[in-house]
Protein backbone atom coordinates (compact mmCIF):
# COMPACT_ATOMS: atom_id res chain seq x y z
CA MET A 1 -25.45 7.04 -15.38
CA ILE A 2 -27.26 4.88 -12.83
CA VAL A 3 -26.58 1.75 -14.89
CA ASP A 4 -22.92 2.67 -15.36
CA GLU A 5 -22.54 3.31 -11.63
CA LYS A 6 -23.99 -0.10 -10.79
CA TYR A 7 -21.47 -1.95 -12.93
CA MET A 8 -18.55 0.19 -11.77
CA ARG A 9 -19.42 -0.63 -8.16
CA ARG A 10 -19.25 -4.30 -9.11
CA ALA A 11 -15.83 -3.68 -10.68
CA LEU A 12 -14.67 -1.99 -7.46
CA LEU A 13 -15.84 -4.98 -5.44
CA LEU A 14 -13.85 -7.30 -7.68
CA ALA A 15 -10.75 -5.09 -7.52
CA ARG A 16 -10.61 -5.36 -3.73
CA GLN A 17 -10.05 -9.12 -4.05
CA GLY A 18 -6.48 -8.34 -5.03
CA ALA A 19 -5.62 -6.52 -1.79
CA GLY A 20 -2.18 -7.52 -0.54
CA HIS A 21 -1.22 -9.38 -3.73
CA THR A 22 -0.90 -6.88 -6.61
CA SER A 23 1.65 -4.32 -5.41
CA PRO A 24 3.55 -2.55 -6.85
CA ASN A 25 0.71 -2.78 -9.37
CA PRO A 26 -2.68 -1.30 -8.44
CA MET A 27 -5.84 -3.22 -7.60
CA VAL A 28 -8.11 -3.24 -10.66
CA GLY A 29 -11.49 -4.78 -11.42
CA ALA A 30 -13.29 -5.15 -14.74
CA VAL A 31 -16.87 -6.05 -15.71
CA ILE A 32 -18.09 -6.73 -19.26
CA VAL A 33 -21.79 -6.14 -19.96
CA GLY A 34 -23.38 -7.64 -23.05
CA PRO A 35 -25.97 -6.13 -25.43
CA ASP A 36 -28.91 -7.30 -23.28
CA GLY A 37 -27.53 -5.59 -20.14
CA THR A 38 -26.30 -8.72 -18.42
CA ILE A 39 -22.78 -9.38 -17.20
CA ILE A 40 -21.00 -11.71 -19.61
CA GLY A 41 -17.52 -11.52 -18.12
CA GLU A 42 -15.58 -10.16 -15.18
CA GLY A 43 -12.16 -10.33 -13.61
CA TRP A 44 -9.62 -8.63 -11.40
CA HIS A 45 -5.86 -8.32 -11.16
CA ARG A 46 -5.01 -11.21 -8.86
CA LYS A 47 -1.25 -10.94 -8.50
CA CYS A 48 1.64 -8.83 -9.77
CA GLY A 49 3.07 -10.41 -12.91
CA GLU A 50 -0.15 -12.19 -13.78
CA GLY A 51 -3.02 -11.17 -16.09
CA HIS A 52 -4.57 -7.75 -15.59
CA ALA A 53 -8.26 -7.31 -14.82
CA GLU A 54 -9.21 -6.66 -18.46
CA VAL A 55 -7.38 -9.79 -19.63
CA ASN A 56 -9.12 -11.96 -17.04
CA ALA A 57 -12.52 -10.43 -17.79
CA VAL A 58 -12.20 -10.98 -21.56
CA ALA A 59 -10.99 -14.55 -21.02
CA SER A 60 -14.07 -15.30 -18.91
CA VAL A 61 -16.52 -14.47 -21.74
CA SER A 62 -17.96 -17.73 -23.11
CA ASN A 63 -19.18 -16.22 -26.40
CA PRO A 64 -16.52 -13.83 -27.77
CA ASN A 65 -18.90 -12.62 -30.50
CA LEU A 66 -20.82 -10.71 -27.84
CA LEU A 67 -17.77 -8.50 -27.23
CA HIS A 68 -18.49 -6.58 -30.46
CA ASP A 69 -21.63 -5.11 -28.89
CA SER A 70 -20.59 -4.80 -25.24
CA THR A 71 -19.28 -2.33 -22.66
CA ILE A 72 -16.36 -2.96 -20.34
CA TYR A 73 -16.20 -1.17 -16.99
CA VAL A 74 -12.70 -0.92 -15.54
CA THR A 75 -11.72 0.87 -12.32
CA LEU A 76 -8.40 2.16 -13.69
CA GLU A 77 -7.31 3.28 -17.14
CA PRO A 78 -6.21 0.29 -19.28
CA CYS A 79 -2.43 0.18 -19.63
CA SER A 80 -0.82 1.20 -22.90
CA HIS A 81 2.70 -0.18 -22.49
CA TYR A 82 4.48 -3.50 -22.46
CA GLY A 83 5.49 -4.47 -18.95
CA LYS A 84 5.24 -7.99 -17.57
CA THR A 85 2.10 -8.32 -19.74
CA PRO A 86 1.03 -6.77 -23.08
CA PRO A 87 -1.02 -3.54 -23.18
CA CYS A 88 -4.63 -4.02 -22.09
CA ALA A 89 -5.77 -1.13 -24.29
CA ARG A 90 -4.47 -3.05 -27.32
CA LEU A 91 -6.38 -6.16 -26.22
CA LEU A 92 -9.67 -4.26 -26.00
CA ILE A 93 -9.10 -2.83 -29.47
CA GLU A 94 -8.30 -6.25 -30.96
CA ARG A 95 -11.39 -7.81 -29.38
CA GLY A 96 -13.62 -5.11 -30.86
CA ILE A 97 -15.20 -3.83 -27.67
CA PRO A 98 -16.97 -0.59 -28.74
CA ARG A 99 -17.38 1.16 -25.36
CA VAL A 100 -15.09 1.49 -22.35
CA VAL A 101 -16.07 3.14 -19.05
CA VAL A 102 -13.04 4.05 -16.91
CA GLY A 103 -13.12 4.93 -13.22
CA THR A 104 -9.97 7.05 -13.13
CA LEU A 105 -6.83 7.74 -15.13
CA ASP A 106 -3.59 5.97 -14.22
CA PRO A 107 -0.93 8.39 -12.90
CA PHE A 108 1.92 5.99 -13.72
CA VAL A 109 4.21 7.83 -16.13
CA LYS A 110 4.10 5.04 -18.74
CA VAL A 111 0.30 5.26 -18.93
CA ALA A 112 -1.04 8.66 -17.74
CA GLY A 113 -3.76 9.10 -20.36
CA ARG A 114 -2.07 7.11 -23.13
CA GLY A 115 -4.38 4.13 -22.66
CA VAL A 116 -7.47 6.27 -23.13
CA ALA A 117 -5.89 8.02 -26.14
CA MET A 118 -5.07 4.67 -27.75
CA LEU A 119 -8.68 3.52 -27.36
CA GLN A 120 -10.12 6.76 -28.72
CA GLU A 121 -7.79 6.73 -31.72
CA ALA A 122 -9.15 3.28 -32.55
CA GLY A 123 -12.69 4.67 -32.62
CA ILE A 124 -13.78 3.29 -29.27
CA GLU A 125 -16.20 5.33 -27.15
CA VAL A 126 -14.47 6.08 -23.84
CA GLU A 127 -15.98 7.65 -20.74
CA VAL A 128 -13.70 8.59 -17.83
CA GLY A 129 -14.61 9.50 -14.25
CA MET A 130 -17.35 7.08 -13.21
CA LEU A 131 -17.06 6.85 -9.39
CA GLU A 132 -13.68 8.50 -9.78
CA GLN A 133 -13.11 9.31 -6.11
CA GLU A 134 -13.97 5.78 -5.01
CA CYS A 135 -11.62 4.39 -7.65
CA ARG A 136 -8.82 6.71 -6.56
CA ASP A 137 -9.39 5.90 -2.87
CA LEU A 138 -9.15 2.19 -3.62
CA ASN A 139 -5.58 2.68 -4.86
CA ARG A 140 -4.59 5.62 -2.67
CA ARG A 141 -1.18 4.03 -2.01
CA PHE A 142 -0.46 3.59 -5.73
CA MET A 143 -1.84 7.05 -6.55
CA THR A 144 0.22 8.77 -3.87
CA ALA A 145 3.44 7.04 -4.90
CA HIS A 146 3.14 7.95 -8.57
CA THR A 147 2.04 11.54 -8.00
CA THR A 148 4.57 12.45 -5.28
CA GLY A 149 7.58 10.31 -6.21
CA ARG A 150 7.71 8.69 -2.78
CA PRO A 151 5.78 5.83 -1.15
CA TRP A 152 2.47 6.30 0.65
CA VAL A 153 3.40 6.55 4.35
CA GLN A 154 1.39 5.00 7.16
CA LEU A 155 2.50 5.78 10.71
CA LYS A 156 1.68 3.20 13.35
CA TRP A 157 2.16 3.01 17.09
CA ALA A 158 0.53 1.81 20.31
CA GLN A 159 0.51 3.92 23.45
CA THR A 160 -0.78 3.90 27.00
CA ALA A 161 -3.76 5.95 28.12
CA ASP A 162 -1.34 8.48 29.63
CA GLY A 163 0.61 8.88 26.40
CA PHE A 164 3.71 6.64 26.57
CA ILE A 165 4.93 4.17 23.95
CA ALA A 166 7.71 2.64 26.06
CA LEU A 167 8.97 2.53 29.63
CA PRO A 168 12.31 4.08 30.63
CA PRO A 169 15.26 2.08 29.23
CA ASP A 170 16.14 0.71 32.69
CA ALA A 171 12.58 -0.37 33.57
CA GLY A 172 13.07 -3.95 32.43
CA GLU A 173 9.78 -4.27 30.50
CA ASN A 174 10.59 -3.25 26.97
CA PRO A 175 8.99 -3.65 24.57
CA LEU A 176 5.91 -2.43 26.42
CA HIS A 177 3.09 -4.73 25.32
CA MET A 178 -0.19 -2.87 24.79
CA SER A 179 -1.85 -4.63 21.86
CA THR A 180 -4.30 -7.49 22.42
CA PRO A 181 -4.14 -10.78 20.48
CA VAL A 182 -6.90 -9.49 18.18
CA THR A 183 -5.41 -6.05 17.56
CA MET A 184 -1.98 -7.62 17.00
CA ARG A 185 -3.43 -9.87 14.31
CA LEU A 186 -5.12 -6.90 12.66
CA MET A 187 -1.81 -5.02 12.72
CA HIS A 188 -0.18 -7.94 10.92
CA ARG A 189 -2.90 -7.65 8.29
CA GLN A 190 -1.91 -4.00 7.83
CA ARG A 191 1.70 -5.11 7.39
CA ALA A 192 0.65 -7.51 4.65
CA LEU A 193 -0.90 -4.59 2.72
CA CYS A 194 2.36 -2.59 2.69
CA ASP A 195 5.44 -3.05 0.54
CA ALA A 196 7.89 -2.11 3.30
CA ILE A 197 8.01 -1.64 7.06
CA VAL A 198 10.38 0.88 8.68
CA VAL A 199 11.91 1.16 12.15
CA GLY A 200 14.70 3.23 13.66
CA ALA A 201 17.89 1.90 15.20
CA ALA A 202 16.65 2.20 18.80
CA THR A 203 13.49 0.20 18.10
CA ALA A 204 15.51 -2.47 16.30
CA ARG A 205 17.99 -2.64 19.18
CA ILE A 206 15.54 -2.61 22.11
CA ASP A 207 12.60 -4.61 20.68
CA ASN A 208 14.59 -6.94 18.37
CA PRO A 209 11.49 -7.36 16.15
CA SER A 210 11.02 -9.68 13.18
CA LEU A 211 8.54 -7.38 11.37
CA THR A 212 6.85 -10.24 9.51
CA THR A 213 3.22 -11.16 8.85
CA ARG A 214 3.42 -14.38 10.84
CA GLN A 215 -0.09 -13.83 12.30
CA TRP A 216 -1.76 -13.11 8.96
CA PRO A 217 -1.63 -14.99 5.64
CA GLY A 218 0.24 -13.01 3.02
CA ARG A 219 3.67 -11.82 2.08
CA SER A 220 5.97 -10.18 4.60
CA PRO A 221 7.08 -6.68 3.60
CA LEU A 222 10.61 -5.54 2.90
CA ARG A 223 12.15 -4.57 6.27
CA VAL A 224 13.92 -1.22 6.53
CA VAL A 225 16.14 -0.02 9.39
CA LEU A 226 17.33 3.58 9.79
CA SER A 227 20.67 3.53 11.62
CA ARG A 228 22.78 6.61 10.93
CA ASN A 229 25.86 5.34 12.80
CA LEU A 230 25.15 1.61 12.49
CA THR A 231 24.60 1.24 16.21
CA ILE A 232 22.71 -2.01 15.86
CA PRO A 233 23.99 -5.45 16.93
CA GLU A 234 24.75 -7.85 14.09
CA ASP A 235 22.75 -10.67 15.74
CA LEU A 236 19.37 -8.94 15.47
CA ASN A 237 16.48 -10.95 14.01
CA LEU A 238 16.26 -8.44 11.16
CA LEU A 239 19.87 -9.17 10.15
CA THR A 240 20.01 -12.93 10.64
CA ASP A 241 16.73 -14.48 9.47
CA TRP A 242 17.55 -14.32 5.73
CA LEU A 243 14.56 -12.17 4.83
CA PRO A 244 15.16 -9.08 2.64
CA THR A 245 16.22 -6.06 4.69
CA ILE A 246 17.67 -2.66 3.85
CA VAL A 247 19.72 -0.73 6.41
CA TYR A 248 20.04 2.94 5.52
CA ASN A 249 23.12 4.30 7.26
CA GLY A 250 25.89 6.87 7.05
CA VAL A 251 28.79 4.39 7.20
CA LYS A 252 28.90 1.87 4.34
CA ASP A 253 27.49 0.32 1.18
CA GLU A 254 27.55 -3.45 1.48
CA THR A 255 25.44 -6.52 0.81
CA ARG A 256 25.63 -9.33 3.33
CA GLY A 257 23.26 -12.23 2.67
CA ALA A 258 19.73 -10.84 2.44
CA VAL A 259 20.75 -7.57 4.10
CA GLN A 260 21.71 -4.57 1.98
CA TYR A 261 23.49 -1.69 3.67
CA VAL A 262 22.89 1.57 1.80
CA LYS A 263 24.97 4.62 2.68
CA MET A 264 23.05 7.89 2.62
CA ASP A 265 22.03 10.85 4.77
CA THR A 266 19.16 9.66 6.97
CA SER A 267 18.70 12.91 8.90
CA GLY A 268 15.58 13.64 6.84
CA PRO A 269 13.00 11.22 5.41
CA GLN A 270 12.99 12.35 1.79
CA SER A 271 16.22 10.63 0.70
CA TRP A 272 15.37 7.13 1.89
CA LEU A 273 11.73 7.43 0.83
CA GLU A 274 12.77 8.42 -2.69
CA ASP A 275 15.24 5.53 -2.80
CA LEU A 276 12.48 3.09 -1.80
CA TYR A 277 10.25 4.51 -4.54
CA ARG A 278 13.00 3.92 -7.10
CA ARG A 279 13.08 0.32 -5.91
CA GLY A 280 9.38 -0.09 -6.68
CA VAL A 281 8.07 0.39 -3.14
CA THR A 282 4.72 2.21 -3.24
CA SER A 283 3.74 2.00 0.45
CA VAL A 284 5.50 1.87 3.80
CA MET A 285 4.39 1.35 7.38
CA VAL A 286 6.56 3.16 9.92
CA GLU A 287 6.46 1.43 13.33
CA GLY A 288 8.88 3.53 15.34
CA GLY A 289 10.46 4.74 17.31
CA THR A 290 9.32 8.16 18.43
CA GLN A 291 12.21 10.01 16.78
CA VAL A 292 11.54 8.49 13.35
CA LEU A 293 7.78 8.97 13.65
CA GLN A 294 8.09 12.56 14.87
CA GLY A 295 10.55 13.36 12.11
CA LEU A 296 8.01 12.31 9.47
CA ILE A 297 5.23 14.23 11.22
CA ASP A 298 7.31 17.40 11.52
CA ALA A 299 8.32 17.14 7.85
CA GLY A 300 4.68 16.72 6.83
CA VAL A 301 5.52 13.43 5.11
CA TRP A 302 2.73 11.08 6.13
CA ASP A 303 -0.59 9.98 4.66
CA GLU A 304 -2.25 8.02 7.46
CA ALA A 305 -1.63 7.33 11.14
CA ARG A 306 -2.93 4.28 12.99
CA ILE A 307 -2.80 4.85 16.76
CA GLU A 308 -3.80 2.19 19.27
CA VAL A 309 -4.46 3.38 22.82
CA SER A 310 -4.47 0.90 25.69
CA PRO A 311 -6.31 1.65 28.97
CA ARG A 312 -3.08 0.89 30.79
CA ARG A 313 -1.23 3.74 32.55
CA VAL A 314 2.49 3.68 33.40
CA GLY A 315 3.22 7.21 34.65
CA GLN A 316 6.61 7.60 32.99
CA GLY A 317 8.62 6.56 29.97
CA VAL A 318 9.03 7.51 26.32
CA LYS A 319 6.33 9.91 25.18
CA ALA A 320 4.24 9.09 22.14
CA PRO A 321 4.65 11.29 19.06
CA ASP A 322 2.80 14.60 18.91
CA ILE A 323 0.47 14.59 15.92
CA ASP A 324 -2.39 16.74 14.69
CA GLY A 325 -4.67 15.19 12.10
CA ARG A 326 -8.22 14.69 10.96
CA GLN A 327 -9.97 11.65 12.45
CA ALA A 328 -11.03 9.37 9.62
CA ALA A 329 -12.13 6.34 11.65
CA GLN A 330 -12.18 4.97 15.18
CA CYS A 331 -13.12 1.66 16.77
CA GLN A 332 -12.78 -0.16 20.09
CA ILE A 333 -11.41 -3.71 20.23
CA ASP A 334 -10.84 -5.63 23.46
CA GLY A 335 -10.81 -2.39 25.43
CA ASN A 336 -8.20 -0.71 23.18
CA ILE A 337 -9.18 2.25 21.02
CA ILE A 338 -7.78 2.38 17.48
CA THR A 339 -7.90 5.72 15.71
CA CYS A 340 -7.08 6.44 12.10
CA LEU A 341 -5.88 9.96 11.34
CA MET A 342 -5.36 11.71 8.02
CA PRO A 343 -3.46 14.97 7.44
CA ARG A 344 -5.66 18.06 7.70
């Protein structure tokens, strides 16, 4: 058990190298250990559409004959279906690897135990559950999406020390800047880890954001605007910069350039979250405004909240959302306090 744990921890370390590049696929790492107990191959899933971790690990082995007396450690159940690549379970069978140690089963409906069953039917020794919680936590976004049928939801906002996220509409200083250059860059990193980023109509109209990852290397997420009555100007950055954007609204279905208008009831979060899931979105960051954030909180549809509190006080304005959660982490950066909450 101690030996297996050591190699699974190495596989987890490798899997993390794919952060921000594999979605909607999960992050996966694989380590192959030869008959003398040394690592003879390893790999991770680097990018969606490219080779899976098992494929890369097998390809890295210089002497393929050693595979017939080796163990492969993989953080997630090997896939059993043809997608953009062939089944990894079939590869392991064909290469004659006699033992497979799996961190956790894959909840994706096309796998969900079938990969393990395929290996066992071929006579391969399979052990499941090594560092299972750590392996599940690594892909909590992927796991949540495929067990709930909606994306993993991260709430995010910045507020003053006296609890406001914006000044009154006529104050002349909106958006209210509370993040520091460092915390802004870290927030852009969080954007790069999500498939989509969501704002309400008021935030789009008042802040006119771009919602890109311009301060962090990596892909920009799909932008999503919730505008029930389409009360947003057509010259917004989100509608004119030719980056993919969805506008959920109650008025029309239409595609205009890179912007897709989707008509549906946006009074509750479930409809648009389920639609995003059907589009392959496994994680969303919700950046505002208060009405959208509070609606998700009140509906109990959130998985993490990232709240940045500035020492600044303004005395009046738009109150921050009211949330009750379990503190998972907290740090101080440039005088601002960032707290991560999880549902109780």
